[in-house]
Amino acid sequence: MHFQRPKSKNDEDRILPLINVVFLLLIFFMITGKLTPPEPFDIDPAQSASEQPTEPADQIILIDASGKIALNGEILDETAFKAAIATLFSSKGSASQPIRLKADGQTQAKYVVEVMEWLRAAGATKLLLLTVPTRL
């Protein structure tokens, strides 16, 4: 017995299931993927010998080499930043929330320490300083 496959009218009928699978995969990865918003300015973090991964946190502070500071993607001057962190830590239980601090490697350490003191004065108890591993 010999069966012949029915011939399709065109080649599109054979490719259609493949296209459907590709689009389903595309939709799946679009839905499950997590996109992060772009940072307001480029940061080249300081290097560190410690390679402990950090837990994701809601609040992130960026400091660039010139001293510009941003809280959660919004560039602020010093007075606006101090006011923003004061209101952030004024609510009950927010002091234990981790804050991520990402400073450019060329930023003066004195300024980074000053920002850390502002955070402590506002009530922050957990601070994660983000760095990149040292390249040997």
N, C-alpha and C. Protein backbone atom coordinates (compact mmCIF):
# COMPACT_ATOMS: atom_id res chain seq x y z
N MET A 1 0.82 -1.15 0.00
CA MET A 1 0.00 0.00 0.00
C MET A 1 0.88 1.24 0.00
N HIS A 2 0.51 2.11 -0.80
CA HIS A 2 1.29 3.35 -0.92
C HIS A 2 0.34 4.53 -0.86
N PHE A 3 0.56 5.39 0.18
CA PHE A 3 -0.28 6.57 0.34
C PHE A 3 0.47 7.79 -0.11
N GLN A 4 -0.20 8.62 -0.79
CA GLN A 4 0.41 9.87 -1.21
C GLN A 4 -0.17 11.00 -0.39
N ARG A 5 0.72 11.90 -0.02
CA ARG A 5 0.32 13.08 0.74
C ARG A 5 -0.40 14.05 -0.19
N PRO A 6 -1.50 14.60 0.27
CA PRO A 6 -2.17 15.56 -0.61
C PRO A 6 -1.29 16.79 -0.78
N LYS A 7 -1.16 17.22 -1.96
CA LYS A 7 -0.33 18.38 -2.25
C LYS A 7 -1.11 19.65 -1.95
N SER A 8 -0.41 20.56 -1.23
CA SER A 8 -1.06 21.82 -0.89
C SER A 8 -1.02 22.74 -2.10
N LYS A 9 -1.86 23.71 -2.03
CA LYS A 9 -1.95 24.63 -3.15
C LYS A 9 -0.71 25.51 -3.26
N ASN A 10 -0.14 25.86 -2.10
CA ASN A 10 1.05 26.70 -2.14
C ASN A 10 1.94 26.40 -0.94
N ASP A 11 3.13 26.98 -0.92
CA ASP A 11 4.09 26.73 0.14
C ASP A 11 3.72 27.43 1.45
N GLU A 12 2.85 28.42 1.40
CA GLU A 12 2.46 29.15 2.61
C GLU A 12 1.74 28.25 3.60
N ASP A 13 1.04 27.26 3.13
CA ASP A 13 0.32 26.35 4.03
C ASP A 13 1.29 25.54 4.89
N ARG A 14 2.48 25.26 4.40
CA ARG A 14 3.46 24.49 5.17
C ARG A 14 4.21 25.37 6.16
N ILE A 15 4.33 26.64 5.90
CA ILE A 15 5.09 27.55 6.77
C ILE A 15 4.21 28.15 7.87
N LEU A 16 2.95 28.19 7.67
CA LEU A 16 2.03 28.81 8.62
C LEU A 16 2.15 28.28 10.05
N PRO A 17 2.22 26.97 10.30
CA PRO A 17 2.39 26.50 11.69
C PRO A 17 3.71 27.00 12.33
N LEU A 18 4.76 27.08 11.56
CA LEU A 18 6.03 27.58 12.08
C LEU A 18 5.92 29.06 12.47
N ILE A 19 5.26 29.83 11.66
CA ILE A 19 5.06 31.25 11.96
C ILE A 19 4.23 31.40 13.24
N ASN A 20 3.21 30.57 13.39
CA ASN A 20 2.38 30.63 14.60
C ASN A 20 3.21 30.34 15.85
N VAL A 21 4.06 29.35 15.79
CA VAL A 21 4.91 29.00 16.94
C VAL A 21 5.86 30.15 17.25
N VAL A 22 6.46 30.74 16.26
CA VAL A 22 7.39 31.85 16.47
C VAL A 22 6.67 33.03 17.12
N PHE A 23 5.49 33.36 16.67
CA PHE A 23 4.74 34.47 17.27
C PHE A 23 4.31 34.15 18.70
N LEU A 24 3.93 32.90 18.97
CA LEU A 24 3.58 32.52 20.33
C LEU A 24 4.78 32.64 21.26
N LEU A 25 5.96 32.24 20.81
CA LEU A 25 7.17 32.39 21.61
C LEU A 25 7.50 33.86 21.84
N LEU A 26 7.34 34.67 20.82
CA LEU A 26 7.59 36.10 20.95
C LEU A 26 6.67 36.72 21.99
N ILE A 27 5.39 36.39 21.93
CA ILE A 27 4.43 36.92 22.89
C ILE A 27 4.76 36.44 24.30
N PHE A 28 5.15 35.17 24.44
CA PHE A 28 5.50 34.62 25.75
C PHE A 28 6.67 35.38 26.36
N PHE A 29 7.73 35.60 25.60
CA PHE A 29 8.90 36.29 26.13
C PHE A 29 8.63 37.77 26.38
N MET A 30 7.74 38.37 25.62
CA MET A 30 7.38 39.77 25.88
C MET A 30 6.62 39.90 27.19
N ILE A 31 5.77 38.94 27.48
CA ILE A 31 4.97 39.00 28.70
C ILE A 31 5.80 38.66 29.92
N THR A 32 6.64 37.64 29.83
CA THR A 32 7.39 37.20 31.00
C THR A 32 8.67 37.99 31.24
N GLY A 33 9.16 38.68 30.24
CA GLY A 33 10.39 39.46 30.41
C GLY A 33 10.16 40.69 31.25
N LYS A 34 11.22 41.11 31.95
CA LYS A 34 11.11 42.30 32.79
C LYS A 34 12.00 43.38 32.20
N LEU A 35 11.40 44.50 31.89
CA LEU A 35 12.15 45.61 31.35
C LEU A 35 12.37 46.63 32.46
N THR A 36 13.59 47.13 32.55
CA THR A 36 13.88 48.15 33.54
C THR A 36 13.94 49.50 32.84
N PRO A 37 13.50 50.54 33.51
CA PRO A 37 13.55 51.86 32.89
C PRO A 37 14.99 52.33 32.73
N PRO A 38 15.28 53.12 31.73
CA PRO A 38 16.66 53.60 31.54
C PRO A 38 17.06 54.55 32.65
N GLU A 39 18.35 54.53 32.99
CA GLU A 39 18.85 55.42 34.03
C GLU A 39 19.03 56.81 33.43
N PRO A 40 18.86 57.87 34.23
CA PRO A 40 18.91 59.23 33.69
C PRO A 40 20.28 59.66 33.20
N PHE A 41 21.35 59.03 33.69
CA PHE A 41 22.70 59.32 33.19
C PHE A 41 23.55 58.08 33.36
N ASP A 42 24.66 58.02 32.60
CA ASP A 42 25.53 56.85 32.62
C ASP A 42 26.36 56.81 33.89
N ILE A 43 26.46 55.63 34.47
CA ILE A 43 27.25 55.41 35.67
C ILE A 43 28.24 54.29 35.39
N ASP A 44 29.49 54.51 35.76
CA ASP A 44 30.51 53.47 35.72
C ASP A 44 30.85 53.15 37.16
N PRO A 45 30.24 52.11 37.77
CA PRO A 45 30.37 51.87 39.21
C PRO A 45 31.82 51.60 39.63
N ALA A 46 32.07 51.84 40.91
CA ALA A 46 33.38 51.55 41.48
C ALA A 46 33.59 50.04 41.52
N GLN A 47 34.83 49.63 41.58
CA GLN A 47 35.15 48.20 41.60
C GLN A 47 35.25 47.70 43.03
N SER A 48 34.93 46.43 43.22
CA SER A 48 34.95 45.83 44.54
C SER A 48 35.42 44.39 44.44
N ALA A 49 36.12 43.94 45.46
CA ALA A 49 36.57 42.55 45.51
C ALA A 49 35.44 41.64 45.96
N SER A 50 34.43 42.18 46.62
CA SER A 50 33.29 41.41 47.09
C SER A 50 32.33 41.19 45.93
N GLU A 51 31.86 39.96 45.78
CA GLU A 51 30.96 39.66 44.67
C GLU A 51 29.62 39.15 45.16
N GLN A 52 29.15 39.65 46.30
CA GLN A 52 27.86 39.24 46.82
C GLN A 52 26.75 39.84 45.98
N PRO A 53 25.82 39.03 45.52
CA PRO A 53 24.69 39.59 44.77
C PRO A 53 23.78 40.37 45.71
N THR A 54 23.14 41.39 45.17
CA THR A 54 22.23 42.19 45.97
C THR A 54 20.80 41.77 45.68
N GLU A 55 19.94 41.98 46.66
CA GLU A 55 18.52 41.70 46.47
C GLU A 55 17.88 42.89 45.76
N PRO A 56 16.87 42.64 44.95
CA PRO A 56 16.22 43.77 44.30
C PRO A 56 15.54 44.67 45.33
N ALA A 57 15.66 45.96 45.12
CA ALA A 57 15.05 46.92 46.04
C ALA A 57 14.24 47.93 45.22
N ASP A 58 13.32 48.57 45.88
CA ASP A 58 12.48 49.53 45.18
C ASP A 58 13.18 50.87 44.95
N GLN A 59 14.04 51.28 45.88
CA GLN A 59 14.65 52.60 45.83
C GLN A 59 16.09 52.50 45.35
N ILE A 60 16.47 53.32 44.38
CA ILE A 60 17.85 53.35 43.90
C ILE A 60 18.30 54.80 43.78
N ILE A 61 19.52 55.05 44.24
CA ILE A 61 20.12 56.37 44.17
C ILE A 61 21.33 56.28 43.25
N LEU A 62 21.42 57.19 42.29
CA LEU A 62 22.54 57.25 41.35
C LEU A 62 23.31 58.55 41.57
N ILE A 63 24.64 58.45 41.57
CA ILE A 63 25.49 59.62 41.66
C ILE A 63 26.50 59.53 40.53
N ASP A 64 26.57 60.58 39.68
CA ASP A 64 27.55 60.54 38.60
C ASP A 64 28.83 61.23 39.03
N ALA A 65 29.83 61.22 38.15
CA ALA A 65 31.16 61.74 38.47
C ALA A 65 31.14 63.23 38.79
N SER A 66 30.21 63.97 38.20
CA SER A 66 30.15 65.42 38.44
C SER A 66 29.38 65.78 39.70
N GLY A 67 28.74 64.79 40.34
CA GLY A 67 28.00 65.05 41.57
C GLY A 67 26.50 65.14 41.40
N LYS A 68 25.99 64.95 40.17
CA LYS A 68 24.53 64.93 39.98
C LYS A 68 23.97 63.72 40.71
N ILE A 69 22.79 63.88 41.27
CA ILE A 69 22.19 62.80 42.04
C ILE A 69 20.76 62.55 41.54
N ALA A 70 20.38 61.28 41.51
CA ALA A 70 19.04 60.90 41.06
C ALA A 70 18.45 59.89 42.03
N LEU A 71 17.18 60.04 42.31
CA LEU A 71 16.45 59.10 43.16
C LEU A 71 15.36 58.47 42.31
N ASN A 72 15.46 57.16 42.13
CA ASN A 72 14.48 56.40 41.33
C ASN A 72 14.31 56.98 39.93
N GLY A 73 15.41 57.38 39.30
CA GLY A 73 15.38 57.86 37.93
C GLY A 73 15.07 59.34 37.77
N GLU A 74 14.84 60.05 38.86
CA GLU A 74 14.53 61.48 38.78
C GLU A 74 15.72 62.28 39.31
N ILE A 75 16.27 63.14 38.46
CA ILE A 75 17.43 63.95 38.85
C ILE A 75 16.96 65.05 39.81
N LEU A 76 17.64 65.17 40.95
CA LEU A 76 17.27 66.13 41.98
C LEU A 76 18.49 66.93 42.41
N ASP A 77 18.26 68.15 42.90
CA ASP A 77 19.36 68.89 43.53
C ASP A 77 19.42 68.44 45.00
N GLU A 78 20.41 68.95 45.74
CA GLU A 78 20.64 68.47 47.11
C GLU A 78 19.43 68.69 48.02
N THR A 79 18.83 69.87 47.97
CA THR A 79 17.70 70.16 48.86
C THR A 79 16.48 69.31 48.51
N ALA A 80 16.22 69.14 47.23
CA ALA A 80 15.08 68.31 46.80
C ALA A 80 15.34 66.85 47.16
N PHE A 81 16.59 66.41 47.05
CA PHE A 81 16.93 65.03 47.41
C PHE A 81 16.72 64.80 48.90
N LYS A 82 17.20 65.72 49.73
CA LYS A 82 17.02 65.58 51.18
C LYS A 82 15.54 65.55 51.55
N ALA A 83 14.75 66.39 50.91
CA ALA A 83 13.31 66.41 51.17
C ALA A 83 12.65 65.10 50.72
N ALA A 84 13.09 64.58 49.58
CA ALA A 84 12.51 63.34 49.05
C ALA A 84 12.82 62.15 49.96
N ILE A 85 14.06 62.06 50.45
CA ILE A 85 14.38 60.92 51.32
C ILE A 85 13.74 61.09 52.71
N ALA A 86 13.55 62.34 53.14
CA ALA A 86 12.87 62.56 54.41
C ALA A 86 11.43 62.07 54.34
N THR A 87 10.75 62.36 53.24
CA THR A 87 9.36 61.88 53.09
C THR A 87 9.33 60.37 52.85
N LEU A 88 10.36 59.84 52.19
CA LEU A 88 10.43 58.40 51.94
C LEU A 88 10.53 57.61 53.23
N PHE A 89 11.32 58.10 54.18
CA PHE A 89 11.52 57.37 55.43
C PHE A 89 10.59 57.84 56.56
N SER A 90 9.69 58.74 56.27
CA SER A 90 8.78 59.21 57.31
C SER A 90 7.69 58.19 57.63
N SER A 91 7.36 57.33 56.68
CA SER A 91 6.32 56.33 56.93
C SER A 91 6.87 55.20 57.80
N LYS A 92 5.98 54.59 58.56
CA LYS A 92 6.37 53.54 59.50
C LYS A 92 6.82 52.30 58.74
N GLY A 93 7.93 51.71 59.14
CA GLY A 93 8.43 50.49 58.53
C GLY A 93 9.29 50.70 57.30
N SER A 94 9.39 51.93 56.81
CA SER A 94 10.19 52.17 55.61
C SER A 94 11.68 52.25 55.90
N ALA A 95 12.08 52.39 57.16
CA ALA A 95 13.50 52.48 57.51
C ALA A 95 14.22 51.17 57.24
N SER A 96 13.50 50.05 57.32
CA SER A 96 14.14 48.75 57.08
C SER A 96 14.20 48.40 55.59
N GLN A 97 13.60 49.22 54.76
CA GLN A 97 13.62 48.98 53.31
C GLN A 97 15.03 49.24 52.77
N PRO A 98 15.61 48.29 52.02
CA PRO A 98 16.97 48.52 51.51
C PRO A 98 17.00 49.59 50.42
N ILE A 99 18.04 50.39 50.45
CA ILE A 99 18.28 51.44 49.46
C ILE A 99 19.54 51.05 48.69
N ARG A 100 19.47 51.10 47.38
CA ARG A 100 20.65 50.81 46.55
C ARG A 100 21.30 52.13 46.16
N LEU A 101 22.60 52.22 46.39
CA LEU A 101 23.38 53.41 46.04
C LEU A 101 24.39 53.01 44.98
N LYS A 102 24.29 53.63 43.82
CA LYS A 102 25.18 53.33 42.70
C LYS A 102 25.89 54.62 42.32
N ALA A 103 27.19 54.70 42.64
CA ALA A 103 27.97 55.90 42.37
C ALA A 103 29.01 55.61 41.30
N ASP A 104 29.28 56.59 40.48
CA ASP A 104 30.32 56.48 39.47
C ASP A 104 31.66 56.29 40.17
N GLY A 105 32.56 55.50 39.59
CA GLY A 105 33.87 55.25 40.17
C GLY A 105 34.72 56.50 40.28
N GLN A 106 34.42 57.53 39.49
CA GLN A 106 35.18 58.78 39.52
C GLN A 106 34.60 59.82 40.48
N THR A 107 33.49 59.48 41.13
CA THR A 107 32.88 60.40 42.10
C THR A 107 33.78 60.49 43.33
N GLN A 108 33.89 61.67 43.87
CA GLN A 108 34.70 61.84 45.08
C GLN A 108 34.05 61.06 46.22
N ALA A 109 34.89 60.30 46.93
CA ALA A 109 34.40 59.47 48.03
C ALA A 109 33.77 60.33 49.11
N LYS A 110 34.28 61.53 49.29
CA LYS A 110 33.74 62.45 50.29
C LYS A 110 32.27 62.75 50.01
N TYR A 111 31.92 62.92 48.75
CA TYR A 111 30.53 63.23 48.39
C TYR A 111 29.64 62.00 48.60
N VAL A 112 30.15 60.82 48.28
CA VAL A 112 29.36 59.59 48.47
C VAL A 112 29.09 59.39 49.97
N VAL A 113 30.09 59.62 50.80
CA VAL A 113 29.91 59.49 52.25
C VAL A 113 28.90 60.53 52.75
N GLU A 114 28.93 61.72 52.18
CA GLU A 114 27.98 62.76 52.56
C GLU A 114 26.54 62.34 52.24
N VAL A 115 26.35 61.74 51.07
CA VAL A 115 25.01 61.25 50.69
C VAL A 115 24.59 60.13 51.64
N MET A 116 25.52 59.27 52.01
CA MET A 116 25.21 58.19 52.96
C MET A 116 24.80 58.77 54.33
N GLU A 117 25.45 59.86 54.74
CA GLU A 117 25.08 60.51 56.01
C GLU A 117 23.69 61.12 55.92
N TRP A 118 23.33 61.68 54.77
CA TRP A 118 21.98 62.22 54.57
C TRP A 118 20.95 61.10 54.73
N LEU A 119 21.27 59.94 54.16
CA LEU A 119 20.35 58.81 54.25
C LEU A 119 20.19 58.35 55.70
N ARG A 120 21.30 58.27 56.41
CA ARG A 120 21.24 57.85 57.82
C ARG A 120 20.44 58.86 58.64
N ALA A 121 20.65 60.14 58.37
CA ALA A 121 19.91 61.18 59.09
C ALA A 121 18.41 61.12 58.78
N ALA A 122 18.07 60.68 57.57
CA ALA A 122 16.66 60.57 57.20
C ALA A 122 16.00 59.34 57.81
N GLY A 123 16.82 58.37 58.26
CA GLY A 123 16.26 57.18 58.90
C GLY A 123 16.55 55.88 58.20
N ALA A 124 17.39 55.88 57.17
CA ALA A 124 17.71 54.64 56.46
C ALA A 124 18.56 53.75 57.34
N THR A 125 18.25 52.45 57.37
CA THR A 125 19.04 51.50 58.15
C THR A 125 19.73 50.46 57.28
N LYS A 126 19.26 50.27 56.06
CA LYS A 126 19.87 49.30 55.14
C LYS A 126 20.31 50.02 53.87
N LEU A 127 21.60 49.96 53.59
CA LEU A 127 22.14 50.59 52.39
C LEU A 127 23.00 49.59 51.66
N LEU A 128 22.73 49.41 50.38
CA LEU A 128 23.52 48.51 49.54
C LEU A 128 24.31 49.36 48.56
N LEU A 129 25.63 49.30 48.65
CA LEU A 129 26.49 50.05 47.75
C LEU A 129 26.80 49.16 46.56
N LEU A 130 26.35 49.54 45.38
CA LEU A 130 26.50 48.72 44.19
C LEU A 130 27.86 48.97 43.55
N THR A 131 28.60 47.91 43.28
CA THR A 131 29.91 47.99 42.65
C THR A 131 30.02 46.89 41.60
N VAL A 132 31.09 46.91 40.83
CA VAL A 132 31.38 45.84 39.89
C VAL A 132 32.61 45.11 40.39
N PRO A 133 32.76 43.81 40.07
CA PRO A 133 33.93 43.08 40.55
C PRO A 133 35.21 43.61 39.94
N THR A 134 36.31 43.51 40.69
CA THR A 134 37.61 43.95 40.21
C THR A 134 38.09 43.00 39.12
N ARG A 135 38.58 43.56 38.05
CA ARG A 135 39.12 42.73 36.96
C ARG A 135 40.61 42.55 37.20
N LEU A 136 41.02 41.32 37.33
CA LEU A 136 42.44 41.04 37.57
C LEU A 136 43.20 40.82 36.30
